């Protein structure tokens, strides 16, 4: 039994390194059912679960990671808290996102400035944007910009520009599209961690969709597709690819309704528990397509 567990762990870790999310998730799940995983394995298990569309489970696992980090590394625990808050926000739960942001703030009180402060500032800014709190958004965005400059951090600087662009677009300023083009085209900067890069794409595409800016939806989904190709095999099914495909299908005007229903149903499970906006778009696409198919 011990040998079997050890072998499963090797399979799970190896599969994750080669971006085989399904094998990694299923292997970690089998081991987790009979023995406790170490903290690093739990974090990888959570990431694989998210990419397989298991958002609720991913958050639950990451909460275990956060609890363990509290005892060993408060700064990393704060980053994990911000990451969990970002996941709750993507799933459409603003109150939980704010709660995790507050936990990160408490952990970082009195701590010398680190990248953790920047990721927390980004989370505070996007939660404020979703709550339509302009004052808090401006404050958090300024804080992110300051941390990025003070630390010379490329990833945080990219997140700063993304916030600037989305805020401008939301305010009706066409210059915001050009700013986001600079961030997203041809592909989002590699130094930005995957979860945070995915949030930038998610927010930019959702905003372009709301603004009915179909040309930008098209160009940014192409960028997200290239980003996915750079971070996982092209044959891999993942939640990130599914979100990208949902936005791409949303601007296809002449799609065959039967084919569209088939494709959208295939995406539904992957996005339903990881992206509230994409999940809502899936239902809209299905309703529209079924009506046309009759």
C-alpha atoms as a PDB file:
ATOM      1  CA  UNK A   1       0.000   0.000   0.000  1.00  0.00           C
ATOM      2  CA  UNK A   2       2.844   2.368   0.907  1.00  0.00           C
ATOM      3  CA  UNK A   3       4.535   1.677  -2.414  1.00  0.00           C
ATOM      4  CA  UNK A   4       1.258   2.281  -4.241  1.00  0.00           C
ATOM      5  CA  UNK A   5       0.803   5.642  -2.520  1.00  0.00           C
ATOM      6  CA  UNK A   6       4.361   6.654  -3.264  1.00  0.00           C
ATOM      7  CA  UNK A   7       3.920   5.724  -6.902  1.00  0.00           C
ATOM      8  CA  UNK A   8       0.652   7.672  -7.113  1.00  0.00           C
ATOM      9  CA  UNK A   9       2.370  10.738  -5.690  1.00  0.00           C
ATOM     10  CA  UNK A  10       5.116  10.440  -8.294  1.00  0.00           C
ATOM     11  CA  UNK A  11       2.470  10.157 -11.011  1.00  0.00           C
ATOM     12  CA  UNK A  12       0.530  13.139  -9.633  1.00  0.00           C
ATOM     13  CA  UNK A  13       3.577  15.386  -9.392  1.00  0.00           C
ATOM     14  CA  UNK A  14       4.962  14.342 -12.786  1.00  0.00           C
ATOM     15  CA  UNK A  15       1.590  14.824 -14.466  1.00  0.00           C
ATOM     16  CA  UNK A  16       1.316  18.314 -13.024  1.00  0.00           C
ATOM     17  CA  UNK A  17       4.776  19.260 -14.276  1.00  0.00           C
ATOM     18  CA  UNK A  18       3.793  18.216 -17.788  1.00  0.00           C
ATOM     19  CA  UNK A  19       0.451  20.072 -17.385  1.00  0.00           C
ATOM     20  CA  UNK A  20      -1.677  16.927 -17.443  1.00  0.00           C
ATOM     21  CA  UNK A  21      -4.254  18.355 -15.055  1.00  0.00           C
ATOM     22  CA  UNK A  22      -6.674  15.440 -15.166  1.00  0.00           C
ATOM     23  CA  UNK A  23      -4.127  12.756 -14.292  1.00  0.00           C
ATOM     24  CA  UNK A  24      -2.593  14.969 -11.618  1.00  0.00           C
ATOM     25  CA  UNK A  25      -5.946  15.775 -10.046  1.00  0.00           C
ATOM     26  CA  UNK A  26      -7.170  12.174 -10.068  1.00  0.00           C
ATOM     27  CA  UNK A  27      -3.891  10.830  -8.652  1.00  0.00           C
ATOM     28  CA  UNK A  28      -3.729  13.398  -5.849  1.00  0.00           C
ATOM     29  CA  UNK A  29      -7.381  12.704  -5.080  1.00  0.00           C
ATOM     30  CA  UNK A  30      -6.709   8.995  -4.627  1.00  0.00           C
ATOM     31  CA  UNK A  31      -3.756   9.622  -2.321  1.00  0.00           C
ATOM     32  CA  UNK A  32      -5.602  12.297  -0.346  1.00  0.00           C
ATOM     33  CA  UNK A  33      -8.339   9.774   0.380  1.00  0.00           C
ATOM     34  CA  UNK A  34      -5.991   7.574   2.395  1.00  0.00           C
ATOM     35  CA  UNK A  35      -3.205   9.816   3.730  1.00  0.00           C
ATOM     36  CA  UNK A  36      -2.424  13.471   4.413  1.00  0.00           C
ATOM     37  CA  UNK A  37      -0.587  15.307   1.659  1.00  0.00           C
ATOM     38  CA  UNK A  38       2.256  17.682   2.493  1.00  0.00           C
ATOM     39  CA  UNK A  39       1.723  21.405   2.008  1.00  0.00           C
ATOM     40  CA  UNK A  40       3.415  21.685  -1.378  1.00  0.00           C
ATOM     41  CA  UNK A  41       1.437  18.741  -2.748  1.00  0.00           C
ATOM     42  CA  UNK A  42      -1.798  20.220  -1.414  1.00  0.00           C
ATOM     43  CA  UNK A  43      -1.094  23.486  -3.235  1.00  0.00           C
ATOM     44  CA  UNK A  44      -0.462  21.628  -6.495  1.00  0.00           C
ATOM     45  CA  UNK A  45      -3.576  19.493  -5.927  1.00  0.00           C
ATOM     46  CA  UNK A  46      -5.637  22.670  -5.511  1.00  0.00           C
ATOM     47  CA  UNK A  47      -4.242  24.132  -8.734  1.00  0.00           C
ATOM     48  CA  UNK A  48      -4.988  20.932 -10.669  1.00  0.00           C
ATOM     49  CA  UNK A  49      -8.520  20.852  -9.251  1.00  0.00           C
ATOM     50  CA  UNK A  50      -9.145  24.430 -10.426  1.00  0.00           C
ATOM     51  CA  UNK A  51      -7.921  23.664 -13.924  1.00  0.00           C
ATOM     52  CA  UNK A  52     -10.324  20.725 -14.034  1.00  0.00           C
ATOM     53  CA  UNK A  53     -13.223  23.031 -13.151  1.00  0.00           C
ATOM     54  CA  UNK A  54     -13.559  21.949  -9.522  1.00  0.00           C
ATOM     55  CA  UNK A  55     -13.603  25.447  -8.081  1.00  0.00           C
ATOM     56  CA  UNK A  56     -15.254  24.723  -4.748  1.00  0.00           C
ATOM     57  CA  UNK A  57     -12.908  21.826  -4.064  1.00  0.00           C
ATOM     58  CA  UNK A  58      -9.874  23.857  -5.107  1.00  0.00           C
ATOM     59  CA  UNK A  59     -10.766  26.608  -2.651  1.00  0.00           C
ATOM     60  CA  UNK A  60     -11.319  24.049   0.126  1.00  0.00           C
ATOM     61  CA  UNK A  61      -7.895  22.504  -0.476  1.00  0.00           C
ATOM     62  CA  UNK A  62      -6.196  25.903  -0.639  1.00  0.00           C
ATOM     63  CA  UNK A  63      -7.790  26.815   2.678  1.00  0.00           C
ATOM     64  CA  UNK A  64      -5.942  23.846   4.160  1.00  0.00           C
ATOM     65  CA  UNK A  65      -2.726  25.149   2.606  1.00  0.00           C
ATOM     66  CA  UNK A  66      -3.384  28.577   4.124  1.00  0.00           C
ATOM     67  CA  UNK A  67      -3.956  27.063   7.590  1.00  0.00           C
ATOM     68  CA  UNK A  68      -0.637  25.246   7.447  1.00  0.00           C
ATOM     69  CA  UNK A  69       1.249  28.302   6.173  1.00  0.00           C
ATOM     70  CA  UNK A  70      -0.068  30.324   9.110  1.00  0.00           C
ATOM     71  CA  UNK A  71       2.195  28.242  11.352  1.00  0.00           C
ATOM     72  CA  UNK A  72       5.296  28.429   9.169  1.00  0.00           C
ATOM     73  CA  UNK A  73       5.277  31.474   6.868  1.00  0.00           C
ATOM     74  CA  UNK A  74       2.799  34.311   7.500  1.00  0.00           C
ATOM     75  CA  UNK A  75       3.794  36.197   4.350  1.00  0.00           C
ATOM     76  CA  UNK A  76       3.144  33.172   2.148  1.00  0.00           C
ATOM     77  CA  UNK A  77      -0.059  32.629   4.092  1.00  0.00           C
ATOM     78  CA  UNK A  78      -1.061  36.182   3.156  1.00  0.00           C
ATOM     79  CA  UNK A  79      -0.356  35.542  -0.527  1.00  0.00           C
ATOM     80  CA  UNK A  80      -2.390  32.344  -0.329  1.00  0.00           C
ATOM     81  CA  UNK A  81      -5.220  34.260   1.354  1.00  0.00           C
ATOM     82  CA  UNK A  82      -5.196  36.788  -1.491  1.00  0.00           C
ATOM     83  CA  UNK A  83      -5.208  33.950  -4.034  1.00  0.00           C
ATOM     84  CA  UNK A  84      -8.190  32.362  -2.297  1.00  0.00           C
ATOM     85  CA  UNK A  85      -9.948  35.723  -2.288  1.00  0.00           C
ATOM     86  CA  UNK A  86      -9.333  36.032  -6.017  1.00  0.00           C
ATOM     87  CA  UNK A  87     -10.842  32.575  -6.557  1.00  0.00           C
ATOM     88  CA  UNK A  88     -13.951  33.487  -4.558  1.00  0.00           C
ATOM     89  CA  UNK A  89     -14.302  36.666  -6.597  1.00  0.00           C
ATOM     90  CA  UNK A  90     -14.049  34.811  -9.906  1.00  0.00           C
ATOM     91  CA  UNK A  91     -16.790  32.505  -8.672  1.00  0.00           C
ATOM     92  CA  UNK A  92     -19.005  35.521  -7.970  1.00  0.00           C
ATOM     93  CA  UNK A  93     -18.736  35.741  -4.166  1.00  0.00           C
ATOM     94  CA  UNK A  94     -17.733  39.291  -3.265  1.00  0.00           C
ATOM     95  CA  UNK A  95     -18.243  39.011   0.509  1.00  0.00           C
ATOM     96  CA  UNK A  96     -15.953  35.975   0.796  1.00  0.00           C
ATOM     97  CA  UNK A  97     -13.340  37.683  -1.369  1.00  0.00           C
ATOM     98  CA  UNK A  98     -13.347  40.686   0.955  1.00  0.00           C
ATOM     99  CA  UNK A  99     -13.084  38.420   3.994  1.00  0.00           C
ATOM    100  CA  UNK A 100      -9.953  36.764   2.637  1.00  0.00           C
ATOM    101  CA  UNK A 101      -8.498  40.134   1.699  1.00  0.00           C
ATOM    102  CA  UNK A 102      -8.965  41.223   5.311  1.00  0.00           C
ATOM    103  CA  UNK A 103      -7.145  38.094   6.519  1.00  0.00           C
ATOM    104  CA  UNK A 104      -4.234  38.925   4.233  1.00  0.00           C
ATOM    105  CA  UNK A 105      -4.176  42.505   5.512  1.00  0.00           C
ATOM    106  CA  UNK A 106      -3.960  41.348   9.124  1.00  0.00           C
ATOM    107  CA  UNK A 107      -1.095  38.997   8.295  1.00  0.00           C
ATOM    108  CA  UNK A 108       0.869  41.750   6.526  1.00  0.00           C
ATOM    109  CA  UNK A 109       0.490  44.414   9.218  1.00  0.00           C
ATOM    110  CA  UNK A 110       3.945  45.592  10.233  1.00  0.00           C
ATOM    111  CA  UNK A 111       5.664  43.415   7.629  1.00  0.00           C
ATOM    112  CA  UNK A 112       8.260  45.181   5.432  1.00  0.00           C
ATOM    113  CA  UNK A 113       6.996  45.755   1.925  1.00  0.00           C
ATOM    114  CA  UNK A 114       6.965  42.592  -0.204  1.00  0.00           C
ATOM    115  CA  UNK A 115       5.251  41.369  -3.352  1.00  0.00           C
ATOM    116  CA  UNK A 116       2.503  40.046  -1.056  1.00  0.00           C
ATOM    117  CA  UNK A 117       1.442  43.666  -0.464  1.00  0.00           C
ATOM    118  CA  UNK A 118       1.146  44.127  -4.219  1.00  0.00           C
ATOM    119  CA  UNK A 119      -1.043  41.078  -4.791  1.00  0.00           C
ATOM    120  CA  UNK A 120      -3.227  42.098  -1.865  1.00  0.00           C
ATOM    121  CA  UNK A 121      -3.562  45.587  -3.377  1.00  0.00           C
ATOM    122  CA  UNK A 122      -4.661  44.047  -6.686  1.00  0.00           C
ATOM    123  CA  UNK A 123      -7.285  41.953  -4.887  1.00  0.00           C
ATOM    124  CA  UNK A 124      -8.541  45.005  -2.994  1.00  0.00           C
ATOM    125  CA  UNK A 125      -8.760  46.949  -6.252  1.00  0.00           C
ATOM    126  CA  UNK A 126     -10.751  44.320  -8.147  1.00  0.00           C
ATOM    127  CA  UNK A 127     -13.115  43.677  -5.243  1.00  0.00           C
ATOM    128  CA  UNK A 128     -13.691  47.437  -5.097  1.00  0.00           C
ATOM    129  CA  UNK A 129     -14.318  47.498  -8.855  1.00  0.00           C
ATOM    130  CA  UNK A 130     -16.898  44.727  -8.543  1.00  0.00           C
ATOM    131  CA  UNK A 131     -18.542  46.595  -5.675  1.00  0.00           C
ATOM    132  CA  UNK A 132     -18.510  49.844  -7.685  1.00  0.00           C
ATOM    133  CA  UNK A 133     -16.433  51.548  -4.987  1.00  0.00           C
ATOM    134  CA  UNK A 134     -14.357  54.010  -6.991  1.00  0.00           C
ATOM    135  CA  UNK A 135     -12.579  55.572  -4.003  1.00  0.00           C
ATOM    136  CA  UNK A 136     -11.325  52.246  -2.694  1.00  0.00           C
ATOM    137  CA  UNK A 137     -10.365  51.147  -6.199  1.00  0.00           C
ATOM    138  CA  UNK A 138      -8.259  54.276  -6.741  1.00  0.00           C
ATOM    139  CA  UNK A 139      -6.570  53.858  -3.358  1.00  0.00           C
ATOM    140  CA  UNK A 140      -5.734  50.197  -3.928  1.00  0.00           C
ATOM    141  CA  UNK A 141      -4.553  50.825  -7.495  1.00  0.00           C
ATOM    142  CA  UNK A 142      -2.203  53.573  -6.282  1.00  0.00           C
ATOM    143  CA  UNK A 143      -0.890  51.224  -3.608  1.00  0.00           C
ATOM    144  CA  UNK A 144      -0.234  48.509  -6.200  1.00  0.00           C
ATOM    145  CA  UNK A 145       1.584  50.966  -8.455  1.00  0.00           C
ATOM    146  CA  UNK A 146       3.759  52.136  -5.556  1.00  0.00           C
ATOM    147  CA  UNK A 147       4.694  48.587  -4.510  1.00  0.00           C
ATOM    148  CA  UNK A 148       5.482  47.649  -8.115  1.00  0.00           C
ATOM    149  CA  UNK A 149       7.766  50.670  -8.485  1.00  0.00           C
ATOM    150  CA  UNK A 150       9.437  50.304  -5.090  1.00  0.00           C
ATOM    151  CA  UNK A 151      10.237  46.642  -5.685  1.00  0.00           C
ATOM    152  CA  UNK A 152      10.866  46.921  -9.429  1.00  0.00           C
ATOM    153  CA  UNK A 153       8.515  43.982  -9.881  1.00  0.00           C
ATOM    154  CA  UNK A 154       7.532  43.327 -13.518  1.00  0.00           C
ATOM    155  CA  UNK A 155       4.498  41.203 -12.690  1.00  0.00           C
ATOM    156  CA  UNK A 156       3.026  43.803 -10.334  1.00  0.00           C
ATOM    157  CA  UNK A 157       3.719  46.556 -12.867  1.00  0.00           C
ATOM    158  CA  UNK A 158       1.782  44.538 -15.462  1.00  0.00           C
ATOM    159  CA  UNK A 159      -1.144  44.134 -13.060  1.00  0.00           C
ATOM    160  CA  UNK A 160      -1.041  47.895 -12.476  1.00  0.00           C
ATOM    161  CA  UNK A 161      -1.364  48.601 -16.204  1.00  0.00           C
ATOM    162  CA  UNK A 162      -4.188  46.082 -16.454  1.00  0.00           C
ATOM    163  CA  UNK A 163      -6.109  47.879 -13.710  1.00  0.00           C
ATOM    164  CA  UNK A 164      -5.508  51.222 -15.426  1.00  0.00           C
ATOM    165  CA  UNK A 165      -6.840  49.863 -18.706  1.00  0.00           C
ATOM    166  CA  UNK A 166      -9.940  48.185 -17.300  1.00  0.00           C
ATOM    167  CA  UNK A 167     -10.822  51.260 -15.242  1.00  0.00           C
ATOM    168  CA  UNK A 168     -10.532  53.482 -18.316  1.00  0.00           C
ATOM    169  CA  UNK A 169     -12.690  51.169 -20.453  1.00  0.00           C
ATOM    170  CA  UNK A 170     -15.307  50.946 -17.719  1.00  0.00           C
ATOM    171  CA  UNK A 171     -15.355  54.752 -17.554  1.00  0.00           C
ATOM    172  CA  UNK A 172     -15.915  55.011 -21.313  1.00  0.00           C
ATOM    173  CA  UNK A 173     -12.393  56.111 -22.227  1.00  0.00           C
ATOM    174  CA  UNK A 174     -11.281  54.462 -25.512  1.00  0.00           C
ATOM    175  CA  UNK A 175      -7.654  54.834 -24.444  1.00  0.00           C
ATOM    176  CA  UNK A 176      -8.296  51.989 -22.018  1.00  0.00           C
ATOM    177  CA  UNK A 177      -8.493  49.549 -24.911  1.00  0.00           C
ATOM    178  CA  UNK A 178      -5.062  50.616 -26.119  1.00  0.00           C
ATOM    179  CA  UNK A 179      -3.658  50.221 -22.615  1.00  0.00           C
ATOM    180  CA  UNK A 180      -5.075  46.703 -22.376  1.00  0.00           C
ATOM    181  CA  UNK A 181      -3.727  45.904 -25.836  1.00  0.00           C
ATOM    182  CA  UNK A 182      -0.268  46.788 -24.546  1.00  0.00           C
ATOM    183  CA  UNK A 183      -0.776  44.377 -21.641  1.00  0.00           C
ATOM    184  CA  UNK A 184      -2.435  41.502 -23.480  1.00  0.00           C
ATOM    185  CA  UNK A 185      -0.971  41.544 -26.981  1.00  0.00           C
ATOM    186  CA  UNK A 186       0.555  39.377 -28.225  1.00  0.00           C
ATOM    187  CA  UNK A 187       0.299  37.603 -24.841  1.00  0.00           C
ATOM    188  CA  UNK A 188       0.270  38.558 -21.158  1.00  0.00           C
ATOM    189  CA  UNK A 189       3.769  38.837 -19.676  1.00  0.00           C
ATOM    190  CA  UNK A 190       5.145  35.490 -18.530  1.00  0.00           C
ATOM    191  CA  UNK A 191       6.272  36.707 -15.056  1.00  0.00           C
ATOM    192  CA  UNK A 192       2.643  37.169 -13.945  1.00  0.00           C
ATOM    193  CA  UNK A 193       1.609  34.080 -11.935  1.00  0.00           C
ATOM    194  CA  UNK A 194      -1.005  31.966 -13.685  1.00  0.00           C
ATOM    195  CA  UNK A 195      -3.919  32.651 -11.325  1.00  0.00           C
ATOM    196  CA  UNK A 196      -3.410  36.396 -11.546  1.00  0.00           C
ATOM    197  CA  UNK A 197      -2.839  36.400 -15.305  1.00  0.00           C
ATOM    198  CA  UNK A 198      -6.050  34.418 -15.722  1.00  0.00           C
ATOM    199  CA  UNK A 199      -7.908  37.034 -13.706  1.00  0.00           C
ATOM    200  CA  UNK A 200      -6.623  39.814 -15.970  1.00  0.00           C
ATOM    201  CA  UNK A 201      -7.882  37.950 -19.034  1.00  0.00           C
ATOM    202  CA  UNK A 202     -11.172  37.140 -17.316  1.00  0.00           C
ATOM    203  CA  UNK A 203     -11.818  40.751 -16.364  1.00  0.00           C
ATOM    204  CA  UNK A 204     -10.720  42.240 -19.688  1.00  0.00           C
ATOM    205  CA  UNK A 205     -12.850  39.827 -21.713  1.00  0.00           C
ATOM    206  CA  UNK A 206     -15.889  40.237 -19.470  1.00  0.00           C
ATOM    207  CA  UNK A 207     -15.592  44.005 -19.739  1.00  0.00           C
ATOM    208  CA  UNK A 208     -15.242  43.907 -23.536  1.00  0.00           C
ATOM    209  CA  UNK A 209     -18.275  41.634 -23.688  1.00  0.00           C
ATOM    210  CA  UNK A 210     -20.353  44.042 -21.598  1.00  0.00           C
ATOM    211  CA  UNK A 211     -19.203  46.943 -23.768  1.00  0.00           C
ATOM    212  CA  UNK A 212     -20.106  44.921 -26.890  1.00  0.00           C
ATOM    213  CA  UNK A 213     -16.576  45.522 -28.143  1.00  0.00           C
ATOM    214  CA  UNK A 214     -16.521  42.413 -30.330  1.00  0.00           C
ATOM    215  CA  UNK A 215     -13.236  43.262 -32.052  1.00  0.00           C
ATOM    216  CA  UNK A 216     -11.439  43.336 -28.723  1.00  0.00           C
ATOM    217  CA  UNK A 217     -13.161  40.175 -27.536  1.00  0.00           C
ATOM    218  CA  UNK A 218     -11.791  38.504 -30.646  1.00  0.00           C
ATOM    219  CA  UNK A 219      -8.230  39.819 -30.308  1.00  0.00           C
ATOM    220  CA  UNK A 220      -8.045  39.201 -26.555  1.00  0.00           C
ATOM    221  CA  UNK A 221      -9.391  35.669 -26.820  1.00  0.00           C
ATOM    222  CA  UNK A 222      -6.685  35.045 -29.411  1.00  0.00           C
ATOM    223  CA  UNK A 223      -4.167  36.367 -26.894  1.00  0.00           C
ATOM    224  CA  UNK A 224      -5.608  34.170 -24.137  1.00  0.00           C
ATOM    225  CA  UNK A 225      -5.459  31.185 -26.473  1.00  0.00           C
ATOM    226  CA  UNK A 226      -1.749  31.821 -27.049  1.00  0.00           C
ATOM    227  CA  UNK A 227      -1.285  32.207 -23.296  1.00  0.00           C
ATOM    228  CA  UNK A 228      -3.009  28.865 -22.712  1.00  0.00           C
ATOM    229  CA  UNK A 229      -0.859  27.241 -25.390  1.00  0.00           C
ATOM    230  CA  UNK A 230       2.248  28.548 -23.625  1.00  0.00           C
ATOM    231  CA  UNK A 231       1.190  27.222 -20.212  1.00  0.00           C
ATOM    232  CA  UNK A 232      -0.386  23.848 -21.088  1.00  0.00           C
ATOM    233  CA  UNK A 233      -0.493  21.382 -23.994  1.00  0.00           C
ATOM    234  CA  UNK A 234      -2.863  22.328 -26.792  1.00  0.00           C
ATOM    235  CA  UNK A 235      -4.728  19.035 -26.378  1.00  0.00           C
ATOM    236  CA  UNK A 236      -5.442  19.723 -22.706  1.00  0.00           C
ATOM    237  CA  UNK A 237      -8.956  20.488 -21.546  1.00  0.00           C
ATOM    238  CA  UNK A 238      -8.871  23.109 -18.820  1.00  0.00           C
ATOM    239  CA  UNK A 239     -11.048  25.699 -17.164  1.00  0.00           C
ATOM    240  CA  UNK A 240      -8.911  28.506 -18.581  1.00  0.00           C
ATOM    241  CA  UNK A 241      -9.293  27.258 -22.153  1.00  0.00           C
ATOM    242  CA  UNK A 242     -13.021  26.832 -21.558  1.00  0.00           C
ATOM    243  CA  UNK A 243     -13.413  30.434 -20.365  1.00  0.00           C
ATOM    244  CA  UNK A 244     -11.532  31.588 -23.449  1.00  0.00           C
ATOM    245  CA  UNK A 245     -13.766  29.479 -25.714  1.00  0.00           C
ATOM    246  CA  UNK A 246     -16.961  30.793 -24.113  1.00  0.00           C
ATOM    247  CA  UNK A 247     -15.943  34.373 -24.869  1.00  0.00           C
ATOM    248  CA  UNK A 248     -14.881  33.425 -28.386  1.00  0.00           C
ATOM    249  CA  UNK A 249     -18.209  31.754 -29.105  1.00  0.00           C
ATOM    250  CA  UNK A 250     -20.094  34.753 -27.726  1.00  0.00           C
ATOM    251  CA  UNK A 251     -19.123  36.867 -30.745  1.00  0.00           C
ATOM    252  CA  UNK A 252     -19.690  34.243 -33.465  1.00  0.00           C
ATOM    253  CA  UNK A 253     -22.716  35.597 -35.288  1.00  0.00           C
ATOM    254  CA  UNK A 254     -23.429  32.867 -37.828  1.00  0.00           C
ATOM    255  CA  UNK A 255     -22.686  29.669 -35.891  1.00  0.00           C
ATOM    256  CA  UNK A 256     -24.856  26.656 -36.561  1.00  0.00           C
ATOM    257  CA  UNK A 257     -27.167  26.513 -33.502  1.00  0.00           C
ATOM    258  CA  UNK A 258     -26.949  22.718 -33.139  1.00  0.00           C
ATOM    259  CA  UNK A 259     -23.150  22.807 -33.278  1.00  0.00           C
ATOM    260  CA  UNK A 260     -23.065  25.732 -30.857  1.00  0.00           C
ATOM    261  CA  UNK A 261     -25.227  23.887 -28.333  1.00  0.00           C
ATOM    262  CA  UNK A 262     -22.957  20.856 -28.551  1.00  0.00           C
ATOM    263  CA  UNK A 263     -19.827  22.930 -28.032  1.00  0.00           C
ATOM    264  CA  UNK A 264     -21.245  25.052 -25.228  1.00  0.00           C
ATOM    265  CA  UNK A 265     -22.591  22.049 -23.311  1.00  0.00           C
ATOM    266  CA  UNK A 266     -19.067  20.644 -23.392  1.00  0.00           C
ATOM    267  CA  UNK A 267     -17.727  23.844 -21.818  1.00  0.00           C
ATOM    268  CA  UNK A 268     -20.430  24.190 -19.183  1.00  0.00           C
ATOM    269  CA  UNK A 269     -18.943  21.879 -16.556  1.00  0.00           C
ATOM    270  CA  UNK A 270     -15.471  23.389 -16.815  1.00  0.00           C
ATOM    271  CA  UNK A 271     -16.602  26.984 -16.228  1.00  0.00           C
ATOM    272  CA  UNK A 272     -19.640  26.551 -13.969  1.00  0.00           C
ATOM    273  CA  UNK A 273     -17.703  26.538 -10.692  1.00  0.00           C
ATOM    274  CA  UNK A 274     -14.703  28.719 -11.568  1.00  0.00           C
ATOM    275  CA  UNK A 275     -16.028  31.774 -13.431  1.00  0.00           C
ATOM    276  CA  UNK A 276     -19.449  33.231 -12.657  1.00  0.00           C
ATOM    277  CA  UNK A 277     -19.444  35.509 -15.704  1.00  0.00           C
ATOM    278  CA  UNK A 278     -18.525  32.740 -18.152  1.00  0.00           C
ATOM    279  CA  UNK A 279     -21.089  30.442 -16.521  1.00  0.00           C
ATOM    280  CA  UNK A 280     -23.790  33.056 -17.061  1.00  0.00           C
ATOM    281  CA  UNK A 281     -22.689  33.502 -20.680  1.00  0.00           C
ATOM    282  CA  UNK A 282     -22.935  29.743 -21.229  1.00  0.00           C
ATOM    283  CA  UNK A 283     -26.569  29.786 -20.159  1.00  0.00           C
ATOM    284  CA  UNK A 284     -27.271  32.765 -22.419  1.00  0.00           C
ATOM    285  CA  UNK A 285     -25.641  31.012 -25.370  1.00  0.00           C
ATOM    286  CA  UNK A 286     -27.613  27.837 -24.725  1.00  0.00           C
ATOM    287  CA  UNK A 287     -30.914  29.701 -24.441  1.00  0.00           C
ATOM    288  CA  UNK A 288     -30.246  31.638 -27.641  1.00  0.00           C
ATOM    289  CA  UNK A 289     -29.032  28.610 -29.581  1.00  0.00           C
ATOM    290  CA  UNK A 290     -31.852  26.315 -28.509  1.00  0.00           C
ATOM    291  CA  UNK A 291     -34.341  28.998 -29.550  1.00  0.00           C
ATOM    292  CA  UNK A 292     -32.734  29.270 -32.997  1.00  0.00           C
ATOM    293  CA  UNK A 293     -32.528  25.487 -33.412  1.00  0.00           C
ATOM    294  CA  UNK A 294     -36.285  24.987 -33.047  1.00  0.00           C
END
